[in-house]
Amino acid sequence: MVTFPQFLEALASNPFLAIVMALILGSIFVNGSTDAANAIAEPVGTRSIGVRDAIIMSVICNFVGLVGMSLISTAVADTMSSMVDFGGNNRAALIALAAATVGIVAWGLGAWAFGIPTSESHALIAGLTGAAIAVQGGLGGVNMGEWIKVIYGLVLSTALGFAAGWAISRIIPIACRNADRRKTNDFFGRMQVLGAAGVALMHGAQDGQKFMSTACMAIALAEGFGISEMGGFPLWIQVVCALVMAIGTAVGGKKIIKTVGMGMVRLEKYQGFAASMSATASLLVATLTGLPVSTTHTKTAAIMGAGAAKDMRSVNWAIAKDMVLTWVFTFPGCGLIGFALAKLFLLVF
């Protein structure tokens, strides 16, 4: 397993590795600003927690989620590391990886500028896929047996998130019909914050492992061996990824929180709790089974399901449509960007 001092030595002897790692950390930062912020948006929208406290909670939970889940299972990271094959030329592979991360950062910053919570997870997958195809000259760079898990995850995150959010939001009013409304509202306000913490934990477990795997891939390529020879995912790289994600949330999360928590749908506190619990359960199932799903997709689908359960008109479908269109274009958009930049970088470098 590569130690932190060995990593620093590799950086000093290979400036291009330093550039690639800076790009990967940049993409993790953008993920923190978009996906991590989205995970804790709705308790802010229902005023169960303030923006500052929500961001602090997200920072802590994302860190614990990544490090804690990695001790239990690295199934998502394992899926990511075997999804694409850059071929036997490690130098060309590292250049292609750099191209993919440039595309990911550009895409994420563009979506952040408009306050749209795009999926950095899918941007990462698409960018890596496009770059691998560019290096290999065809689909031989894609392991379809692993890539199909992305499709399974996409269906799970959308369908299960929406359905569970809708169902729980329908059940709660029936179960609490004879309860004191004020006490019930206070109770679900507290539970909503707890549920959002669960989503933040699972975001760290899901997205943190994806980017952690990419960082390990860069180190392995620079050192001239396969990621399977890394001997696992070092604790120090888990900590670095978690910290950078936390900084991204602290710096840029407010804009996304407002879009999702306040702009897309107005939720009551019990609906926010339903959305959080639905998203947490869906993400946990996906993480333990190695499906690389999008926290943004899962949480947003659950929020829309919870809102639609009470009244379809309570959802701002115009904002929801903008999000869906962004998601639809993420795969071809980032894939083409990764492919084009990889071809360009291979010519230049």
Protein backbone atom coordinates (compact mmCIF):
# COMPACT_ATOMS: atom_id res chain seq x y z
CA MET A 1 0.00 0.00 0.00
CA VAL A 2 1.33 3.45 -0.95
CA THR A 3 2.16 5.53 2.13
CA PHE A 4 1.78 9.30 2.34
CA PRO A 5 5.59 9.92 2.31
CA GLN A 6 5.83 7.72 -0.82
CA PHE A 7 3.04 9.75 -2.39
CA LEU A 8 4.89 13.01 -1.67
CA GLU A 9 8.04 11.55 -3.24
CA ALA A 10 6.03 10.59 -6.33
CA LEU A 11 4.65 14.13 -6.57
CA ALA A 12 8.14 15.63 -6.33
CA SER A 13 9.53 13.36 -9.05
CA ASN A 14 6.52 13.53 -11.39
CA PRO A 15 5.12 17.05 -11.91
CA PHE A 16 2.40 15.73 -14.20
CA LEU A 17 1.07 13.56 -11.36
CA ALA A 18 0.86 16.73 -9.26
CA ILE A 19 -1.24 18.36 -11.99
CA VAL A 20 -3.54 15.34 -12.26
CA MET A 21 -4.00 15.14 -8.49
CA ALA A 22 -4.79 18.86 -8.36
CA LEU A 23 -7.48 18.31 -11.02
CA ILE A 24 -8.94 15.34 -9.17
CA LEU A 25 -9.02 17.29 -5.92
CA GLY A 26 -10.65 20.13 -7.86
CA SER A 27 -13.40 17.78 -9.03
CA ILE A 28 -13.88 16.61 -5.43
CA PHE A 29 -14.17 20.27 -4.36
CA VAL A 30 -16.87 20.85 -7.00
CA ASN A 31 -18.64 17.70 -5.84
CA GLY A 32 -18.72 19.12 -2.33
CA SER A 33 -20.20 22.36 -3.64
CA THR A 34 -22.95 20.60 -5.60
CA ASP A 35 -23.75 17.02 -4.58
CA ALA A 36 -22.87 17.29 -0.89
CA ALA A 37 -24.83 20.51 -0.54
CA ASN A 38 -27.85 18.95 -2.24
CA ALA A 39 -27.86 16.16 0.33
CA ILE A 40 -28.72 18.53 3.18
CA ALA A 41 -30.91 21.03 1.29
CA GLU A 42 -34.48 20.26 2.37
CA PRO A 43 -34.18 20.72 6.19
CA VAL A 44 -32.97 24.23 5.38
CA GLY A 45 -36.00 24.70 3.13
CA THR A 46 -38.35 23.78 5.98
CA ARG A 47 -36.33 25.91 8.43
CA SER A 48 -35.55 22.93 10.63
CA ILE A 49 -31.89 23.94 10.58
CA GLY A 50 -29.96 27.02 9.49
CA VAL A 51 -27.71 27.06 6.42
CA ARG A 52 -24.51 27.41 8.49
CA ASP A 53 -25.40 24.56 10.85
CA ALA A 54 -26.48 22.40 7.93
CA ILE A 55 -23.15 22.91 6.19
CA ILE A 56 -21.22 22.06 9.38
CA MET A 57 -23.31 18.90 9.76
CA SER A 58 -22.65 17.97 6.14
CA VAL A 59 -18.91 18.46 6.53
CA ILE A 60 -18.76 16.13 9.54
CA CYS A 61 -21.09 13.48 8.13
CA ASN A 62 -19.42 13.32 4.71
CA PHE A 63 -16.06 12.77 6.39
CA VAL A 64 -17.41 10.04 8.67
CA GLY A 65 -19.37 8.48 5.80
CA LEU A 66 -16.35 8.06 3.55
CA VAL A 67 -13.91 6.81 6.16
CA GLY A 68 -16.48 4.69 8.01
CA MET A 69 -17.96 2.99 4.96
CA SER A 70 -14.49 2.28 3.56
CA LEU A 71 -13.81 0.21 6.68
CA ILE A 72 -16.96 -1.82 6.00
CA SER A 73 -17.04 -2.05 2.22
CA THR A 74 -15.21 -0.52 -0.75
CA ALA A 75 -17.60 -2.05 -3.29
CA VAL A 76 -18.31 1.27 -5.06
CA ALA A 77 -14.60 2.13 -5.28
CA ASP A 78 -13.89 -1.36 -6.62
CA THR A 79 -16.56 -0.93 -9.31
CA MET A 80 -15.13 2.43 -10.35
CA SER A 81 -11.55 1.15 -10.54
CA SER A 82 -12.50 -1.67 -12.92
CA MET A 83 -15.05 0.21 -15.05
CA VAL A 84 -12.57 1.47 -17.65
CA ASP A 85 -9.23 0.29 -19.03
CA PHE A 86 -6.76 2.91 -20.26
CA GLY A 87 -4.45 0.27 -21.76
CA GLY A 88 -0.85 -0.65 -21.07
CA ASN A 89 0.73 2.75 -21.73
CA ASN A 90 0.67 4.31 -18.26
CA ARG A 91 1.87 7.71 -19.47
CA ALA A 92 -0.92 7.95 -22.05
CA ALA A 93 -3.40 6.70 -19.45
CA LEU A 94 -2.37 9.40 -16.97
CA ILE A 95 -2.73 12.08 -19.66
CA ALA A 96 -6.21 10.79 -20.52
CA LEU A 97 -7.16 10.79 -16.84
CA ALA A 98 -6.08 14.44 -16.64
CA ALA A 99 -8.26 15.26 -19.64
CA ALA A 100 -11.26 13.57 -18.06
CA THR A 101 -10.90 15.50 -14.81
CA VAL A 102 -10.61 18.84 -16.66
CA GLY A 103 -13.95 18.10 -18.32
CA ILE A 104 -15.54 17.11 -15.02
CA VAL A 105 -14.48 20.32 -13.28
CA ALA A 106 -15.63 22.49 -16.20
CA TRP A 107 -19.02 20.78 -16.34
CA GLY A 108 -19.55 20.99 -12.59
CA LEU A 109 -18.57 24.66 -12.36
CA GLY A 110 -20.92 25.52 -15.22
CA ALA A 111 -23.85 23.84 -13.49
CA TRP A 112 -22.92 25.43 -10.15
CA ALA A 113 -22.90 28.89 -11.76
CA PHE A 114 -26.57 28.41 -12.65
CA GLY A 115 -27.41 26.86 -9.28
CA ILE A 116 -28.33 23.51 -10.89
CA PRO A 117 -27.29 20.45 -8.84
CA THR A 118 -25.76 18.31 -11.57
CA SER A 119 -24.40 14.86 -10.78
CA GLU A 120 -20.66 14.95 -10.37
CA SER A 121 -20.75 11.15 -10.04
CA HIS A 122 -22.15 10.71 -13.52
CA ALA A 123 -19.85 13.43 -14.86
CA LEU A 124 -16.90 11.46 -13.46
CA ILE A 125 -18.08 8.17 -14.96
CA ALA A 126 -18.82 9.73 -18.36
CA GLY A 127 -15.54 11.65 -18.48
CA LEU A 128 -13.46 8.59 -17.62
CA THR A 129 -15.37 6.52 -20.18
CA GLY A 130 -14.84 9.05 -22.96
CA ALA A 131 -11.14 9.34 -22.15
CA ALA A 132 -10.68 5.55 -22.08
CA ILE A 133 -12.36 5.22 -25.48
CA ALA A 134 -10.04 7.92 -26.85
CA VAL A 135 -6.92 6.12 -25.60
CA GLN A 136 -8.00 2.64 -26.69
CA GLY A 137 -9.53 3.78 -29.95
CA GLY A 138 -12.85 2.08 -29.30
CA LEU A 139 -15.14 0.44 -26.78
CA GLY A 140 -12.36 -1.95 -25.78
CA GLY A 141 -11.56 0.61 -23.08
CA VAL A 142 -14.94 0.06 -21.39
CA ASN A 143 -15.73 -2.89 -19.13
CA MET A 144 -19.43 -3.25 -19.95
CA GLY A 145 -19.95 -5.80 -17.19
CA GLU A 146 -19.11 -3.10 -14.65
CA TRP A 147 -20.52 -0.15 -16.61
CA ILE A 148 -24.01 -1.70 -16.66
CA LYS A 149 -24.11 -1.13 -12.91
CA VAL A 150 -24.39 2.59 -13.68
CA ILE A 151 -27.67 1.95 -15.50
CA TYR A 152 -28.95 -0.19 -12.65
CA GLY A 153 -27.99 2.57 -10.25
CA LEU A 154 -29.69 5.24 -12.36
CA VAL A 155 -32.96 3.31 -12.31
CA LEU A 156 -32.65 2.64 -8.57
CA SER A 157 -31.87 6.25 -7.67
CA THR A 158 -34.76 7.68 -9.67
CA ALA A 159 -37.53 5.12 -9.27
CA LEU A 160 -36.91 3.99 -5.70
CA GLY A 161 -36.17 7.49 -4.44
CA PHE A 162 -39.37 8.97 -5.90
CA ALA A 163 -41.58 6.01 -4.96
CA ALA A 164 -40.31 5.76 -1.38
CA GLY A 165 -40.57 9.52 -0.86
CA TRP A 166 -44.14 9.49 -2.16
CA ALA A 167 -45.20 6.44 -0.13
CA ILE A 168 -43.75 7.58 3.21
CA SER A 169 -45.27 11.04 2.74
CA ARG A 170 -48.67 9.43 2.24
CA ILE A 171 -48.35 7.10 5.24
CA ILE A 172 -47.21 9.67 7.84
CA PRO A 173 -50.37 11.88 7.76
CA ILE A 174 -52.55 8.79 8.18
CA ALA A 175 -50.45 7.46 11.06
CA CYS A 176 -50.41 10.86 12.80
CA ARG A 177 -53.98 11.98 12.09
CA ASN A 178 -54.95 12.04 15.79
CA ALA A 179 -51.69 13.53 17.08
CA ASP A 180 -51.19 17.13 18.21
CA ARG A 181 -50.14 19.01 15.07
CA ARG A 182 -47.65 21.35 16.78
CA LYS A 183 -45.87 18.54 18.64
CA THR A 184 -45.85 16.38 15.52
CA ASN A 185 -44.38 19.23 13.48
CA ASP A 186 -41.61 19.77 16.05
CA PHE A 187 -40.87 16.04 16.14
CA PHE A 188 -40.52 15.72 12.37
CA GLY A 189 -38.40 18.86 12.28
CA ARG A 190 -35.85 17.15 14.51
CA MET A 191 -36.17 13.87 12.62
CA GLN A 192 -35.71 15.67 9.33
CA VAL A 193 -32.33 16.96 10.46
CA LEU A 194 -31.39 13.43 11.52
CA GLY A 195 -32.51 12.11 8.13
CA ALA A 196 -30.44 14.73 6.31
CA ALA A 197 -27.41 13.67 8.35
CA GLY A 198 -28.02 10.13 7.11
CA VAL A 199 -28.02 11.31 3.49
CA ALA A 200 -24.79 13.24 4.09
CA LEU A 201 -23.20 10.12 5.56
CA MET A 202 -24.20 8.09 2.51
CA HIS A 203 -23.04 10.81 0.16
CA GLY A 204 -19.59 10.55 1.68
CA ALA A 205 -19.73 6.78 1.32
CA GLN A 206 -20.88 6.90 -2.32
CA ASP A 207 -19.26 9.90 -3.96
CA GLY A 208 -16.23 9.88 -1.70
CA GLN A 209 -15.37 6.34 -2.78
CA LYS A 210 -15.75 7.20 -6.48
CA PHE A 211 -13.25 10.04 -6.32
CA MET A 212 -10.99 8.17 -3.92
CA SER A 213 -10.77 5.37 -6.48
CA THR A 214 -9.89 7.87 -9.22
CA ALA A 215 -7.11 9.38 -7.10
CA CYS A 216 -5.67 5.91 -6.44
CA MET A 217 -5.86 5.20 -10.16
CA ALA A 218 -3.73 8.27 -10.87
CA ILE A 219 -1.11 7.25 -8.30
CA ALA A 220 -0.96 3.70 -9.64
CA LEU A 221 -0.54 4.89 -13.24
CA ALA A 222 2.19 7.35 -12.26
CA GLU A 223 4.06 4.66 -10.34
CA GLY A 224 3.76 2.19 -13.22
CA PHE A 225 1.50 -0.49 -11.74
CA GLY A 226 -2.19 -1.40 -11.76
CA ILE A 227 -4.66 -0.19 -9.19
CA SER A 228 -5.13 -3.79 -8.03
CA GLU A 229 -1.49 -3.66 -6.90
CA MET A 230 -2.16 -0.67 -4.62
CA GLY A 231 -3.03 -3.08 -1.82
CA GLY A 232 -6.26 -1.28 -0.96
CA PHE A 233 -7.24 2.33 -0.45
CA PRO A 234 -4.94 4.07 2.07
CA LEU A 235 -6.50 5.86 5.02
CA TRP A 236 -4.58 9.04 4.22
CA ILE A 237 -6.20 9.35 0.80
CA GLN A 238 -9.63 8.82 2.34
CA VAL A 239 -8.91 11.68 4.73
CA VAL A 240 -7.64 13.98 1.98
CA CYS A 241 -10.67 13.34 -0.24
CA ALA A 242 -13.09 13.86 2.66
CA LEU A 243 -11.43 17.13 3.70
CA VAL A 244 -11.45 18.60 0.19
CA MET A 245 -15.11 17.64 -0.24
CA ALA A 246 -15.88 19.31 3.08
CA ILE A 247 -14.15 22.52 2.02
CA GLY A 248 -16.16 22.54 -1.22
CA THR A 249 -19.41 22.27 0.71
CA ALA A 250 -18.40 25.07 3.07
CA VAL A 251 -17.37 27.41 0.26
CA GLY A 252 -20.00 26.84 -2.42
CA GLY A 253 -22.87 24.86 -0.95
CA LYS A 254 -25.26 27.71 -0.16
CA LYS A 255 -26.31 28.29 -3.77
CA ILE A 256 -27.32 24.67 -4.37
CA ILE A 257 -29.08 24.47 -1.00
CA LYS A 258 -31.31 27.38 -2.00
CA THR A 259 -32.17 25.87 -5.39
CA VAL A 260 -33.13 22.43 -4.08
CA GLY A 261 -34.35 23.24 -0.58
CA MET A 262 -36.26 26.43 -1.36
CA GLY A 263 -36.79 26.69 -5.10
CA MET A 264 -37.82 23.28 -6.41
CA VAL A 265 -40.53 22.33 -3.91
CA ARG A 266 -41.96 23.64 -0.66
CA LEU A 267 -42.00 20.76 1.79
CA GLU A 268 -43.53 20.38 5.20
CA LYS A 269 -41.25 18.91 7.83
CA TYR A 270 -42.71 15.41 7.68
CA GLN A 271 -42.22 15.43 3.90
CA GLY A 272 -38.60 16.48 4.33
CA PHE A 273 -38.11 13.59 6.75
CA ALA A 274 -39.72 11.21 4.25
CA ALA A 275 -37.43 12.41 1.47
CA SER A 276 -34.29 12.07 3.59
CA MET A 277 -35.10 8.59 4.87
CA SER A 278 -36.01 7.41 1.36
CA ALA A 279 -32.76 8.73 -0.07
CA THR A 280 -30.66 7.32 2.80
CA ALA A 281 -32.14 3.82 2.41
CA SER A 282 -31.70 3.86 -1.38
CA LEU A 283 -28.10 5.03 -1.12
CA LEU A 284 -27.26 2.44 1.52
CA VAL A 285 -28.56 -0.41 -0.64
CA ALA A 286 -26.64 0.88 -3.66
CA THR A 287 -23.40 1.38 -1.71
CA LEU A 288 -23.38 -2.07 -0.16
CA THR A 289 -24.09 -3.69 -3.56
CA GLY A 290 -21.42 -1.69 -5.40
CA LEU A 291 -23.80 0.35 -7.57
CA PRO A 292 -22.31 3.81 -8.31
CA VAL A 293 -25.44 5.95 -8.01
CA SER A 294 -25.88 9.69 -7.90
CA THR A 295 -26.70 11.21 -4.52
CA THR A 296 -28.17 14.18 -6.39
CA HIS A 297 -30.52 11.99 -8.42
CA THR A 298 -31.59 9.94 -5.43
CA LYS A 299 -32.23 12.85 -3.09
CA THR A 300 -33.92 15.07 -5.67
CA ALA A 301 -36.19 12.25 -6.83
CA ALA A 302 -37.15 11.59 -3.20
CA ILE A 303 -37.90 15.30 -2.65
CA MET A 304 -40.11 15.42 -5.75
CA GLY A 305 -41.90 12.24 -4.66
CA ALA A 306 -42.53 13.65 -1.18
CA GLY A 307 -43.83 16.91 -2.62
CA ALA A 308 -46.03 15.21 -5.22
CA ALA A 309 -47.61 12.99 -2.53
CA LYS A 310 -49.45 15.99 -1.10
CA ASP A 311 -50.06 18.02 -4.24
CA MET A 312 -48.49 17.72 -7.69
CA ARG A 313 -48.70 21.51 -7.98
CA SER A 314 -46.44 21.97 -4.95
CA VAL A 315 -43.44 20.93 -7.07
CA ASN A 316 -41.85 23.62 -9.23
CA TRP A 317 -41.70 21.45 -12.32
CA ALA A 318 -39.83 24.14 -14.30
CA ILE A 319 -36.82 23.84 -11.97
CA ALA A 320 -37.23 20.06 -11.88
CA LYS A 321 -37.19 20.01 -15.70
CA ASP A 322 -33.93 22.02 -15.78
CA MET A 323 -32.37 19.49 -13.42
CA VAL A 324 -33.54 16.51 -15.46
CA LEU A 325 -32.23 18.04 -18.70
CA THR A 326 -28.87 18.63 -17.03
CA TRP A 327 -28.78 15.00 -15.92
CA VAL A 328 -29.73 13.77 -19.40
CA PHE A 329 -26.94 15.75 -21.05
CA THR A 330 -24.33 14.84 -18.43
CA PHE A 331 -23.44 11.43 -19.89
CA PRO A 332 -23.05 12.41 -23.56
CA GLY A 333 -21.73 15.88 -22.67
CA CYS A 334 -18.99 14.80 -20.27
CA GLY A 335 -18.25 11.72 -22.36
CA LEU A 336 -17.60 13.82 -25.46
CA ILE A 337 -15.60 16.38 -23.47
CA GLY A 338 -13.48 13.61 -21.95
CA PHE A 339 -12.93 12.03 -25.37
CA ALA A 340 -12.06 15.30 -27.12
CA LEU A 341 -9.75 16.56 -24.37
CA ALA A 342 -8.00 13.19 -24.16
CA LYS A 343 -7.28 13.28 -27.90
CA LEU A 344 -6.06 16.87 -27.60
CA PHE A 345 -3.91 16.25 -24.52
CA LEU A 346 -2.33 13.16 -26.13
CA LEU A 347 -1.30 15.30 -29.09
CA VAL A 348 0.03 18.16 -26.96
CA PHE A 349 1.78 16.15 -24.26
